[in-house]
């Protein structure tokens, strides 16, 4: 019923359509950018925290937790059109921020990295290749944290914030990301959320 009412407003139709057009453009650009980024020479960062951790494989847990939470978040938010579009817009902005950060701060992969086995990314953005330089900041961590920013329910917020934390820990233990990649992720999620809300206020 909410979606039926949502579609009755021409402004909503415009926002929905433009959001997904821009999302398609940004995600396509991100796909090509990652190919370019993987072939760049990056900075070598000696992470003191990674030096203390013996790398272990957590790909299955990371993949399962990330996409389970993402599906839960989308399943709940899609029942409320405005909330769903807000989250999609924030994710779009978050992706743009990732492109900017990766452009400015190219990093070489951690020395003892155990490549993350993520079937979804491998068949989409990674184009079937092993992608090791998609580093600053952590997309897995930031995306799940982003959901928590948009739900008012305390239990849901706790679910996504704690899930984001656990995912970040898995990524660090596996040496997929530097500790700074994970620590910075929530900051950029908050920034994306604030940009999204300011943009929508201007649209009215």
N, C-alpha and C. Protein backbone atom coordinates (compact mmCIF):
# COMPACT_ATOMS: atom_id res chain seq x y z
N UNK A 1 0.83 -1.20 0.00
CA UNK A 1 0.00 0.00 0.00
C UNK A 1 0.87 1.26 0.00
N UNK A 2 1.97 1.23 0.74
CA UNK A 2 2.84 2.40 0.80
C UNK A 2 3.46 2.70 -0.56
N UNK A 3 3.83 1.65 -1.30
CA UNK A 3 4.42 1.86 -2.61
C UNK A 3 3.37 2.43 -3.59
N UNK A 4 2.13 1.98 -3.46
CA UNK A 4 1.06 2.48 -4.33
C UNK A 4 0.87 3.98 -4.11
N UNK A 5 0.89 4.37 -2.86
CA UNK A 5 0.75 5.79 -2.51
C UNK A 5 1.98 6.58 -2.95
N UNK A 6 3.15 5.96 -2.81
CA UNK A 6 4.41 6.60 -3.19
C UNK A 6 4.42 6.95 -4.67
N UNK A 7 3.94 6.04 -5.51
CA UNK A 7 3.96 6.24 -6.96
C UNK A 7 2.95 7.28 -7.43
N UNK A 8 2.06 7.69 -6.58
CA UNK A 8 1.06 8.70 -6.96
C UNK A 8 1.65 10.11 -7.04
N UNK A 9 2.84 10.28 -6.49
CA UNK A 9 3.51 11.59 -6.48
C UNK A 9 4.56 11.65 -7.59
N UNK A 10 4.45 12.62 -8.46
CA UNK A 10 5.39 12.76 -9.58
C UNK A 10 6.82 13.02 -9.11
N UNK A 11 6.94 13.77 -8.02
CA UNK A 11 8.26 14.04 -7.46
C UNK A 11 8.93 12.74 -7.03
N UNK A 12 8.16 11.85 -6.42
CA UNK A 12 8.70 10.56 -5.98
C UNK A 12 9.16 9.73 -7.18
N UNK A 13 8.40 9.79 -8.26
CA UNK A 13 8.78 9.07 -9.47
C UNK A 13 10.12 9.57 -10.00
N UNK A 14 10.27 10.90 -9.98
CA UNK A 14 11.51 11.52 -10.46
C UNK A 14 12.69 11.11 -9.59
N UNK A 15 12.51 11.18 -8.25
CA UNK A 15 13.58 10.84 -7.32
C UNK A 15 13.98 9.37 -7.47
N UNK A 16 12.99 8.50 -7.56
CA UNK A 16 13.26 7.06 -7.70
C UNK A 16 14.03 6.78 -8.99
N UNK A 17 13.53 7.31 -10.10
CA UNK A 17 14.15 7.05 -11.40
C UNK A 17 15.57 7.61 -11.47
N UNK A 18 15.73 8.85 -11.05
CA UNK A 18 17.05 9.49 -11.11
C UNK A 18 18.04 8.79 -10.18
N UNK A 19 17.56 8.33 -9.02
CA UNK A 19 18.43 7.63 -8.07
C UNK A 19 19.01 6.38 -8.70
N UNK A 20 18.17 5.59 -9.35
CA UNK A 20 18.65 4.32 -9.91
C UNK A 20 19.45 4.52 -11.20
N UNK A 21 19.18 5.59 -11.91
CA UNK A 21 20.01 5.90 -13.09
C UNK A 21 21.42 6.26 -12.64
N UNK A 22 21.51 7.14 -11.63
CA UNK A 22 22.82 7.53 -11.11
C UNK A 22 23.53 6.34 -10.46
N UNK A 23 22.77 5.47 -9.79
CA UNK A 23 23.37 4.29 -9.18
C UNK A 23 24.00 3.40 -10.24
N UNK A 24 23.30 3.20 -11.35
CA UNK A 24 23.82 2.37 -12.44
C UNK A 24 25.09 2.99 -13.02
N UNK A 25 25.10 4.30 -13.18
CA UNK A 25 26.28 5.00 -13.72
C UNK A 25 27.46 4.87 -12.78
N UNK A 26 27.21 5.09 -11.48
CA UNK A 26 28.29 5.04 -10.49
C UNK A 26 28.85 3.64 -10.36
N UNK A 27 27.98 2.63 -10.30
CA UNK A 27 28.46 1.25 -10.15
C UNK A 27 29.23 0.77 -11.38
N UNK A 28 28.78 1.19 -12.55
CA UNK A 28 29.50 0.84 -13.77
C UNK A 28 30.87 1.50 -13.79
N UNK A 29 30.91 2.76 -13.38
CA UNK A 29 32.18 3.48 -13.30
C UNK A 29 33.11 2.83 -12.29
N UNK A 30 32.52 2.39 -11.18
CA UNK A 30 33.31 1.75 -10.13
C UNK A 30 33.93 0.46 -10.62
N UNK A 31 33.21 -0.28 -11.44
CA UNK A 31 33.71 -1.54 -12.00
C UNK A 31 34.98 -1.27 -12.82
N UNK A 32 34.92 -0.29 -13.69
CA UNK A 32 36.08 0.04 -14.53
C UNK A 32 37.22 0.65 -13.70
N UNK A 33 36.83 1.43 -12.69
CA UNK A 33 37.85 2.06 -11.85
C UNK A 33 38.65 1.01 -11.09
N UNK A 34 37.99 -0.03 -10.59
CA UNK A 34 38.69 -1.06 -9.82
C UNK A 34 39.72 -1.79 -10.69
N UNK A 35 39.39 -1.99 -11.97
CA UNK A 35 40.36 -2.61 -12.89
C UNK A 35 41.58 -1.72 -13.03
N UNK A 36 41.34 -0.43 -13.20
CA UNK A 36 42.44 0.54 -13.29
C UNK A 36 43.24 0.59 -12.00
N UNK A 37 42.53 0.62 -10.88
CA UNK A 37 43.17 0.75 -9.57
C UNK A 37 44.06 -0.45 -9.25
N UNK A 38 43.65 -1.61 -9.68
CA UNK A 38 44.40 -2.83 -9.38
C UNK A 38 45.77 -2.83 -10.06
N UNK A 39 45.90 -2.07 -11.14
CA UNK A 39 47.15 -2.04 -11.89
C UNK A 39 48.05 -0.86 -11.51
N UNK A 40 47.60 -0.06 -10.53
CA UNK A 40 48.41 1.08 -10.10
C UNK A 40 49.40 0.67 -9.03
N UNK A 41 50.49 1.41 -8.94
CA UNK A 41 51.44 1.21 -7.85
C UNK A 41 50.96 2.05 -6.67
N UNK A 42 50.75 1.41 -5.53
CA UNK A 42 50.24 2.12 -4.37
C UNK A 42 51.30 2.33 -3.30
N UNK A 43 50.90 3.04 -2.26
CA UNK A 43 51.79 3.28 -1.14
C UNK A 43 51.89 2.01 -0.28
N UNK A 44 53.04 1.78 0.29
CA UNK A 44 53.23 0.64 1.20
C UNK A 44 52.98 1.15 2.63
N UNK A 45 52.00 0.55 3.29
CA UNK A 45 51.65 0.97 4.64
C UNK A 45 52.01 -0.15 5.62
N UNK A 46 52.87 0.17 6.56
CA UNK A 46 53.26 -0.81 7.58
C UNK A 46 52.32 -0.68 8.78
N UNK A 47 51.32 -1.54 8.80
CA UNK A 47 50.30 -1.47 9.83
C UNK A 47 50.78 -2.19 11.10
N UNK A 48 50.98 -1.47 12.19
CA UNK A 48 51.47 -2.10 13.43
C UNK A 48 50.49 -3.11 14.01
N UNK A 49 49.20 -2.93 13.72
CA UNK A 49 48.20 -3.86 14.25
C UNK A 49 48.25 -5.18 13.48
N UNK A 50 48.38 -5.12 12.15
CA UNK A 50 48.46 -6.35 11.36
C UNK A 50 49.69 -7.17 11.72
N UNK A 51 50.76 -6.49 12.12
CA UNK A 51 51.99 -7.19 12.48
C UNK A 51 51.80 -8.08 13.70
N UNK A 52 50.81 -7.77 14.50
CA UNK A 52 50.54 -8.53 15.72
C UNK A 52 49.60 -9.71 15.48
N UNK A 53 49.04 -9.79 14.27
CA UNK A 53 48.00 -10.79 13.99
C UNK A 53 48.48 -11.80 12.95
N UNK A 54 48.38 -13.07 13.29
CA UNK A 54 48.66 -14.14 12.33
C UNK A 54 47.42 -14.30 11.45
N UNK A 55 47.54 -14.10 10.13
CA UNK A 55 46.36 -14.13 9.26
C UNK A 55 45.66 -15.49 9.24
N UNK A 56 44.33 -15.44 9.27
CA UNK A 56 43.51 -16.66 9.20
C UNK A 56 42.37 -16.42 8.23
N UNK A 57 41.92 -17.50 7.62
CA UNK A 57 40.86 -17.43 6.60
C UNK A 57 39.48 -17.29 7.25
N UNK A 58 38.76 -16.22 6.88
CA UNK A 58 37.41 -15.99 7.40
C UNK A 58 36.44 -15.64 6.27
N UNK A 59 36.79 -15.98 5.03
CA UNK A 59 35.99 -15.57 3.89
C UNK A 59 34.53 -16.02 3.97
N UNK A 60 34.30 -17.25 4.34
CA UNK A 60 32.94 -17.78 4.41
C UNK A 60 32.11 -17.01 5.42
N UNK A 61 32.70 -16.75 6.59
CA UNK A 61 31.99 -16.02 7.64
C UNK A 61 31.72 -14.58 7.21
N UNK A 62 32.74 -13.94 6.60
CA UNK A 62 32.61 -12.56 6.16
C UNK A 62 31.53 -12.42 5.09
N UNK A 63 31.59 -13.31 4.09
CA UNK A 63 30.61 -13.28 3.01
C UNK A 63 29.19 -13.53 3.55
N UNK A 64 29.05 -14.56 4.36
CA UNK A 64 27.73 -14.94 4.88
C UNK A 64 27.13 -13.84 5.74
N UNK A 65 27.93 -13.27 6.62
CA UNK A 65 27.43 -12.23 7.52
C UNK A 65 27.10 -10.95 6.75
N UNK A 66 27.99 -10.55 5.85
CA UNK A 66 27.77 -9.32 5.09
C UNK A 66 26.48 -9.36 4.28
N UNK A 67 26.30 -10.42 3.50
CA UNK A 67 25.15 -10.46 2.61
C UNK A 67 23.86 -10.85 3.33
N UNK A 68 23.97 -11.57 4.43
CA UNK A 68 22.78 -11.86 5.23
C UNK A 68 22.23 -10.56 5.81
N UNK A 69 23.12 -9.73 6.36
CA UNK A 69 22.70 -8.46 6.93
C UNK A 69 22.20 -7.50 5.85
N UNK A 70 22.85 -7.51 4.70
CA UNK A 70 22.41 -6.64 3.60
C UNK A 70 21.01 -7.02 3.13
N UNK A 71 20.75 -8.32 3.02
CA UNK A 71 19.43 -8.80 2.60
C UNK A 71 18.38 -8.44 3.65
N UNK A 72 18.73 -8.60 4.92
CA UNK A 72 17.81 -8.23 6.00
C UNK A 72 17.49 -6.73 5.92
N UNK A 73 18.53 -5.92 5.77
CA UNK A 73 18.35 -4.48 5.70
C UNK A 73 17.47 -4.06 4.54
N UNK A 74 17.72 -4.63 3.36
CA UNK A 74 16.93 -4.28 2.18
C UNK A 74 15.50 -4.80 2.29
N UNK A 75 15.34 -5.98 2.87
CA UNK A 75 14.01 -6.57 3.03
C UNK A 75 13.13 -5.74 3.95
N UNK A 76 13.73 -5.20 4.99
CA UNK A 76 12.97 -4.37 5.93
C UNK A 76 12.70 -2.99 5.34
N UNK A 77 13.71 -2.38 4.75
CA UNK A 77 13.58 -1.01 4.25
C UNK A 77 12.67 -0.91 3.03
N UNK A 78 12.61 -1.96 2.22
CA UNK A 78 11.81 -1.88 0.99
C UNK A 78 10.32 -1.78 1.28
N UNK A 79 9.93 -2.09 2.49
CA UNK A 79 8.52 -1.95 2.89
C UNK A 79 8.14 -0.48 3.05
N UNK A 80 9.16 0.37 3.22
CA UNK A 80 8.93 1.81 3.37
C UNK A 80 9.68 2.52 2.25
N UNK A 81 8.98 2.93 1.19
CA UNK A 81 9.63 3.49 -0.01
C UNK A 81 10.65 4.58 0.26
N UNK A 82 10.30 5.57 1.08
CA UNK A 82 11.20 6.69 1.34
C UNK A 82 12.48 6.20 2.00
N UNK A 83 12.36 5.32 2.98
CA UNK A 83 13.53 4.77 3.67
C UNK A 83 14.41 3.98 2.71
N UNK A 84 13.79 3.16 1.88
CA UNK A 84 14.52 2.35 0.91
C UNK A 84 15.33 3.24 -0.04
N UNK A 85 14.71 4.29 -0.57
CA UNK A 85 15.39 5.19 -1.49
C UNK A 85 16.52 5.94 -0.78
N UNK A 86 16.30 6.32 0.47
CA UNK A 86 17.34 7.01 1.24
C UNK A 86 18.58 6.13 1.38
N UNK A 87 18.37 4.86 1.68
CA UNK A 87 19.50 3.94 1.84
C UNK A 87 20.22 3.74 0.51
N UNK A 88 19.48 3.59 -0.57
CA UNK A 88 20.10 3.43 -1.89
C UNK A 88 20.90 4.67 -2.25
N UNK A 89 20.35 5.85 -1.98
CA UNK A 89 21.06 7.10 -2.26
C UNK A 89 22.34 7.20 -1.43
N UNK A 90 22.25 6.83 -0.16
CA UNK A 90 23.42 6.90 0.72
C UNK A 90 24.50 5.92 0.24
N UNK A 91 24.08 4.75 -0.22
CA UNK A 91 25.03 3.76 -0.73
C UNK A 91 25.69 4.29 -2.00
N UNK A 92 24.92 4.97 -2.84
CA UNK A 92 25.46 5.58 -4.06
C UNK A 92 26.56 6.59 -3.69
N UNK A 93 26.25 7.45 -2.73
CA UNK A 93 27.22 8.46 -2.28
C UNK A 93 28.43 7.79 -1.66
N UNK A 94 28.20 6.74 -0.89
CA UNK A 94 29.30 6.00 -0.25
C UNK A 94 30.24 5.43 -1.31
N UNK A 95 29.69 4.93 -2.40
CA UNK A 95 30.50 4.39 -3.49
C UNK A 95 31.33 5.48 -4.15
N UNK A 96 30.74 6.66 -4.34
CA UNK A 96 31.48 7.79 -4.90
C UNK A 96 32.63 8.17 -3.97
N UNK A 97 32.37 8.17 -2.67
CA UNK A 97 33.42 8.48 -1.69
C UNK A 97 34.54 7.45 -1.74
N UNK A 98 34.19 6.20 -1.98
CA UNK A 98 35.20 5.15 -2.09
C UNK A 98 36.08 5.37 -3.31
N UNK A 99 35.46 5.74 -4.42
CA UNK A 99 36.24 6.01 -5.64
C UNK A 99 37.21 7.16 -5.39
N UNK A 100 36.73 8.20 -4.73
CA UNK A 100 37.58 9.36 -4.43
C UNK A 100 38.74 8.96 -3.53
N UNK A 101 38.43 8.22 -2.47
CA UNK A 101 39.47 7.81 -1.51
C UNK A 101 40.49 6.88 -2.15
N UNK A 102 40.01 5.94 -2.94
CA UNK A 102 40.93 5.01 -3.61
C UNK A 102 41.81 5.75 -4.62
N UNK A 103 41.26 6.81 -5.20
CA UNK A 103 42.04 7.61 -6.16
C UNK A 103 43.16 8.38 -5.46
N UNK A 104 42.82 8.92 -4.29
CA UNK A 104 43.78 9.76 -3.56
C UNK A 104 44.77 8.93 -2.76
N UNK A 105 44.29 7.80 -2.21
CA UNK A 105 45.14 6.99 -1.33
C UNK A 105 45.31 5.56 -1.86
N UNK A 106 45.99 5.39 -2.99
CA UNK A 106 46.22 4.03 -3.49
C UNK A 106 47.20 3.30 -2.57
N UNK A 107 46.85 2.11 -2.19
CA UNK A 107 47.70 1.33 -1.27
C UNK A 107 48.04 -0.02 -1.88
N UNK A 108 49.23 -0.49 -1.58
CA UNK A 108 49.58 -1.87 -1.92
C UNK A 108 48.92 -2.78 -0.89
N UNK A 109 48.58 -3.99 -1.32
CA UNK A 109 47.90 -4.93 -0.43
C UNK A 109 48.78 -5.32 0.76
N UNK A 110 48.17 -5.64 1.89
CA UNK A 110 48.96 -6.11 3.04
C UNK A 110 49.84 -7.29 2.64
N UNK A 111 51.01 -7.35 3.22
CA UNK A 111 52.02 -8.34 2.84
C UNK A 111 51.54 -9.78 2.98
N UNK A 112 50.80 -10.08 4.04
CA UNK A 112 50.37 -11.46 4.30
C UNK A 112 48.88 -11.66 4.02
N UNK A 113 48.36 -10.92 3.09
CA UNK A 113 46.93 -10.99 2.78
C UNK A 113 46.50 -12.38 2.35
N UNK A 114 45.36 -12.81 2.87
CA UNK A 114 44.69 -14.01 2.36
C UNK A 114 43.50 -13.46 1.57
N UNK A 115 43.55 -13.50 0.23
CA UNK A 115 42.49 -12.87 -0.58
C UNK A 115 41.09 -13.30 -0.15
N UNK A 116 40.20 -12.32 -0.09
CA UNK A 116 38.82 -12.58 0.32
C UNK A 116 38.08 -13.30 -0.80
N UNK A 117 37.46 -14.40 -0.46
CA UNK A 117 36.65 -15.15 -1.42
C UNK A 117 35.21 -14.67 -1.30
N UNK A 118 34.83 -13.75 -2.19
CA UNK A 118 33.48 -13.18 -2.19
C UNK A 118 32.87 -13.44 -3.56
N UNK A 119 32.08 -14.50 -3.70
CA UNK A 119 31.51 -14.88 -5.00
C UNK A 119 30.76 -13.75 -5.69
N UNK A 120 30.06 -12.92 -4.91
CA UNK A 120 29.30 -11.83 -5.52
C UNK A 120 30.22 -10.81 -6.17
N UNK A 121 31.22 -10.34 -5.42
CA UNK A 121 32.16 -9.35 -5.96
C UNK A 121 32.98 -9.92 -7.11
N UNK A 122 33.37 -11.19 -6.97
CA UNK A 122 34.20 -11.81 -8.01
C UNK A 122 33.47 -11.87 -9.35
N UNK A 123 32.15 -11.99 -9.29
CA UNK A 123 31.37 -12.09 -10.52
C UNK A 123 30.75 -10.77 -10.95
N UNK A 124 31.06 -9.69 -10.22
CA UNK A 124 30.55 -8.37 -10.60
C UNK A 124 31.70 -7.38 -10.72
N UNK A 125 31.99 -6.67 -9.63
CA UNK A 125 32.97 -5.60 -9.65
C UNK A 125 34.40 -6.09 -9.89
N UNK A 126 34.73 -7.30 -9.45
CA UNK A 126 36.09 -7.79 -9.61
C UNK A 126 36.31 -8.46 -10.96
N UNK A 127 35.24 -8.63 -11.74
CA UNK A 127 35.33 -9.18 -13.10
C UNK A 127 36.06 -10.52 -13.15
N UNK A 128 35.88 -11.35 -12.12
CA UNK A 128 36.46 -12.67 -12.10
C UNK A 128 37.92 -12.73 -11.70
N UNK A 129 38.50 -11.57 -11.37
CA UNK A 129 39.92 -11.56 -11.01
C UNK A 129 40.07 -11.48 -9.49
N UNK A 130 41.28 -11.71 -9.05
CA UNK A 130 41.62 -11.56 -7.63
C UNK A 130 41.91 -10.09 -7.38
N UNK A 131 41.11 -9.43 -6.58
CA UNK A 131 41.25 -8.00 -6.35
C UNK A 131 41.83 -7.76 -4.96
N UNK A 132 43.02 -7.14 -4.92
CA UNK A 132 43.71 -6.99 -3.64
C UNK A 132 43.87 -5.53 -3.19
N UNK A 133 43.64 -4.56 -4.09
CA UNK A 133 43.92 -3.17 -3.76
C UNK A 133 42.67 -2.31 -3.52
N UNK A 134 41.54 -2.96 -3.37
CA UNK A 134 40.30 -2.26 -3.04
C UNK A 134 40.30 -2.04 -1.53
N UNK A 135 41.12 -1.07 -1.08
CA UNK A 135 41.46 -1.00 0.33
C UNK A 135 40.82 0.14 1.12
N UNK A 136 41.28 1.36 0.93
CA UNK A 136 40.80 2.45 1.77
C UNK A 136 39.58 3.14 1.16
N UNK A 137 38.44 2.94 1.75
CA UNK A 137 38.13 2.32 3.03
C UNK A 137 37.36 1.03 2.79
N UNK A 138 37.11 0.26 3.83
CA UNK A 138 36.44 -1.04 3.69
C UNK A 138 34.97 -0.90 3.29
N UNK A 139 34.65 -1.40 2.09
CA UNK A 139 33.27 -1.34 1.61
C UNK A 139 32.33 -2.25 2.38
N UNK A 140 32.79 -3.44 2.73
CA UNK A 140 31.95 -4.37 3.49
C UNK A 140 31.54 -3.75 4.83
N UNK A 141 32.52 -3.21 5.54
CA UNK A 141 32.27 -2.63 6.85
C UNK A 141 31.37 -1.41 6.75
N UNK A 142 31.67 -0.53 5.81
CA UNK A 142 30.92 0.72 5.67
C UNK A 142 29.48 0.49 5.26
N UNK A 143 29.25 -0.45 4.35
CA UNK A 143 27.90 -0.69 3.85
C UNK A 143 26.98 -1.19 4.95
N UNK A 144 27.44 -2.14 5.74
CA UNK A 144 26.60 -2.67 6.82
C UNK A 144 26.39 -1.63 7.90
N UNK A 145 27.41 -0.85 8.21
CA UNK A 145 27.25 0.23 9.20
C UNK A 145 26.21 1.25 8.71
N UNK A 146 26.18 1.48 7.42
CA UNK A 146 25.26 2.45 6.82
C UNK A 146 23.81 2.10 7.12
N UNK A 147 23.48 0.83 7.05
CA UNK A 147 22.11 0.41 7.35
C UNK A 147 21.69 0.85 8.76
N UNK A 148 22.60 0.68 9.71
CA UNK A 148 22.29 1.04 11.09
C UNK A 148 21.95 2.50 11.27
N UNK A 149 22.51 3.35 10.43
CA UNK A 149 22.26 4.79 10.52
C UNK A 149 20.84 5.17 10.12
N UNK A 150 20.18 4.30 9.35
CA UNK A 150 18.86 4.64 8.81
C UNK A 150 17.69 3.97 9.52
N UNK A 151 17.97 3.06 10.41
CA UNK A 151 16.88 2.43 11.16
C UNK A 151 16.72 3.08 12.52
N UNK A 152 15.48 3.32 12.92
CA UNK A 152 15.20 3.94 14.22
C UNK A 152 15.13 2.91 15.33
N UNK A 153 14.82 1.67 14.96
CA UNK A 153 14.70 0.60 15.95
C UNK A 153 16.06 0.32 16.59
N UNK A 154 16.10 0.38 17.93
CA UNK A 154 17.35 0.20 18.66
C UNK A 154 17.99 -1.16 18.42
N UNK A 155 17.16 -2.20 18.36
CA UNK A 155 17.68 -3.55 18.15
C UNK A 155 18.29 -3.70 16.75
N UNK A 156 17.64 -3.08 15.78
CA UNK A 156 18.17 -3.14 14.41
C UNK A 156 19.48 -2.38 14.30
N UNK A 157 19.54 -1.23 14.95
CA UNK A 157 20.78 -0.46 14.96
C UNK A 157 21.91 -1.29 15.56
N UNK A 158 21.63 -1.93 16.69
CA UNK A 158 22.63 -2.76 17.36
C UNK A 158 23.07 -3.92 16.48
N UNK A 159 22.11 -4.50 15.75
CA UNK A 159 22.41 -5.63 14.86
C UNK A 159 23.40 -5.21 13.77
N UNK A 160 23.13 -4.09 13.13
CA UNK A 160 23.98 -3.66 12.02
C UNK A 160 25.31 -3.08 12.49
N UNK A 161 25.30 -2.36 13.58
CA UNK A 161 26.56 -1.82 14.11
C UNK A 161 27.49 -2.94 14.58
N UNK A 162 26.92 -3.89 15.31
CA UNK A 162 27.74 -5.00 15.80
C UNK A 162 28.18 -5.89 14.65
N UNK A 163 27.29 -6.08 13.66
CA UNK A 163 27.65 -6.87 12.49
C UNK A 163 28.78 -6.23 11.72
N UNK A 164 28.73 -4.91 11.58
CA UNK A 164 29.79 -4.17 10.91
C UNK A 164 31.12 -4.33 11.65
N UNK A 165 31.05 -4.29 12.97
CA UNK A 165 32.26 -4.45 13.79
C UNK A 165 32.88 -5.83 13.59
N UNK A 166 32.05 -6.86 13.63
CA UNK A 166 32.53 -8.24 13.47
C UNK A 166 33.13 -8.44 12.08
N UNK A 167 32.48 -7.92 11.06
CA UNK A 167 32.99 -8.03 9.70
C UNK A 167 34.35 -7.36 9.60
N UNK A 168 34.47 -6.19 10.20
CA UNK A 168 35.75 -5.48 10.19
C UNK A 168 36.85 -6.28 10.84
N UNK A 169 36.53 -6.93 11.96
CA UNK A 169 37.51 -7.76 12.67
C UNK A 169 37.95 -8.94 11.79
N UNK A 170 36.97 -9.58 11.12
CA UNK A 170 37.30 -10.69 10.22
C UNK A 170 38.25 -10.24 9.12
N UNK A 171 37.97 -9.08 8.55
CA UNK A 171 38.79 -8.56 7.45
C UNK A 171 40.22 -8.25 7.90
N UNK A 172 40.34 -7.74 9.11
CA UNK A 172 41.67 -7.45 9.65
C UNK A 172 42.44 -8.74 9.95
N UNK A 173 41.77 -9.69 10.57
CA UNK A 173 42.43 -10.97 10.90
C UNK A 173 42.90 -11.67 9.63
N UNK A 174 42.12 -11.56 8.56
CA UNK A 174 42.49 -12.21 7.30
C UNK A 174 43.51 -11.37 6.52
N UNK A 175 43.81 -10.17 7.03
CA UNK A 175 44.73 -9.24 6.37
C UNK A 175 44.22 -8.80 5.00
N UNK A 176 42.90 -8.82 4.84
CA UNK A 176 42.29 -8.33 3.60
C UNK A 176 42.34 -6.81 3.58
N UNK A 177 42.23 -6.20 4.77
CA UNK A 177 42.28 -4.75 4.92
C UNK A 177 43.25 -4.36 6.02
N UNK A 178 43.77 -3.15 5.89
CA UNK A 178 44.55 -2.57 6.99
C UNK A 178 43.56 -2.12 8.06
N UNK A 179 44.06 -1.94 9.26
CA UNK A 179 43.20 -1.51 10.36
C UNK A 179 42.60 -0.13 10.08
N UNK A 180 43.36 0.75 9.39
CA UNK A 180 42.84 2.09 9.09
C UNK A 180 41.67 2.02 8.10
N UNK A 181 41.67 1.03 7.22
CA UNK A 181 40.57 0.86 6.26
C UNK A 181 39.26 0.59 6.99
N UNK A 182 39.36 -0.25 8.00
CA UNK A 182 38.19 -0.65 8.77
C UNK A 182 37.76 0.45 9.73
N UNK A 183 38.73 1.07 10.39
CA UNK A 183 38.43 2.13 11.36
C UNK A 183 37.78 3.33 10.69
N UNK A 184 38.18 3.62 9.45
CA UNK A 184 37.64 4.78 8.74
C UNK A 184 36.26 4.53 8.14
N UNK A 185 35.90 3.27 7.96
CA UNK A 185 34.66 2.93 7.27
C UNK A 185 33.41 3.58 7.89
N UNK A 186 33.20 3.47 9.21
CA UNK A 186 32.00 4.10 9.80
C UNK A 186 31.96 5.62 9.62
N UNK A 187 33.13 6.24 9.63
CA UNK A 187 33.21 7.70 9.45
C UNK A 187 32.67 8.09 8.08
N UNK A 188 33.04 7.34 7.06
CA UNK A 188 32.57 7.64 5.71
C UNK A 188 31.10 7.25 5.53
N UNK A 189 30.63 6.26 6.28
CA UNK A 189 29.20 5.93 6.26
C UNK A 189 28.39 7.09 6.81
N UNK A 190 28.86 7.65 7.92
CA UNK A 190 28.18 8.80 8.52
C UNK A 190 28.21 10.00 7.57
N UNK A 191 29.35 10.22 6.91
CA UNK A 191 29.48 11.31 5.96
C UNK A 191 28.51 11.13 4.79
N UNK A 192 28.42 9.91 4.27
CA UNK A 192 27.51 9.63 3.15
C UNK A 192 26.07 9.88 3.56
N UNK A 193 25.73 9.47 4.78
CA UNK A 193 24.37 9.67 5.29
C UNK A 193 24.04 11.15 5.41
N UNK A 194 24.97 11.93 5.90
CA UNK A 194 24.74 13.37 6.08
C UNK A 194 24.62 14.08 4.74
N UNK A 195 25.45 13.69 3.78
CA UNK A 195 25.36 14.28 2.44
C UNK A 195 24.02 13.96 1.81
N UNK A 196 23.59 12.71 1.97
CA UNK A 196 22.30 12.29 1.41
C UNK A 196 21.15 13.09 1.99
N UNK A 197 21.15 13.27 3.29
CA UNK A 197 20.06 14.00 3.95
C UNK A 197 20.05 15.47 3.57
N UNK A 198 21.23 16.08 3.42
CA UNK A 198 21.30 17.49 3.01
C UNK A 198 20.83 17.66 1.57
N UNK A 199 21.18 16.71 0.72
CA UNK A 199 20.75 16.77 -0.68
C UNK A 199 19.25 16.68 -0.79
N UNK A 200 18.63 15.79 -0.02
CA UNK A 200 17.19 15.62 -0.08
C UNK A 200 16.45 16.82 0.50
N UNK A 201 17.06 17.50 1.49
CA UNK A 201 16.45 18.71 2.03
C UNK A 201 16.41 19.80 0.98
N UNK A 202 17.46 19.89 0.18
CA UNK A 202 17.52 20.91 -0.87
C UNK A 202 16.49 20.64 -1.97
N UNK A 203 16.30 19.35 -2.24
CA UNK A 203 15.31 18.97 -3.25
C UNK A 203 13.91 19.31 -2.74
N UNK A 204 13.78 19.20 -1.40
CA UNK A 204 12.50 19.56 -0.77
C UNK A 204 11.57 18.39 -0.67
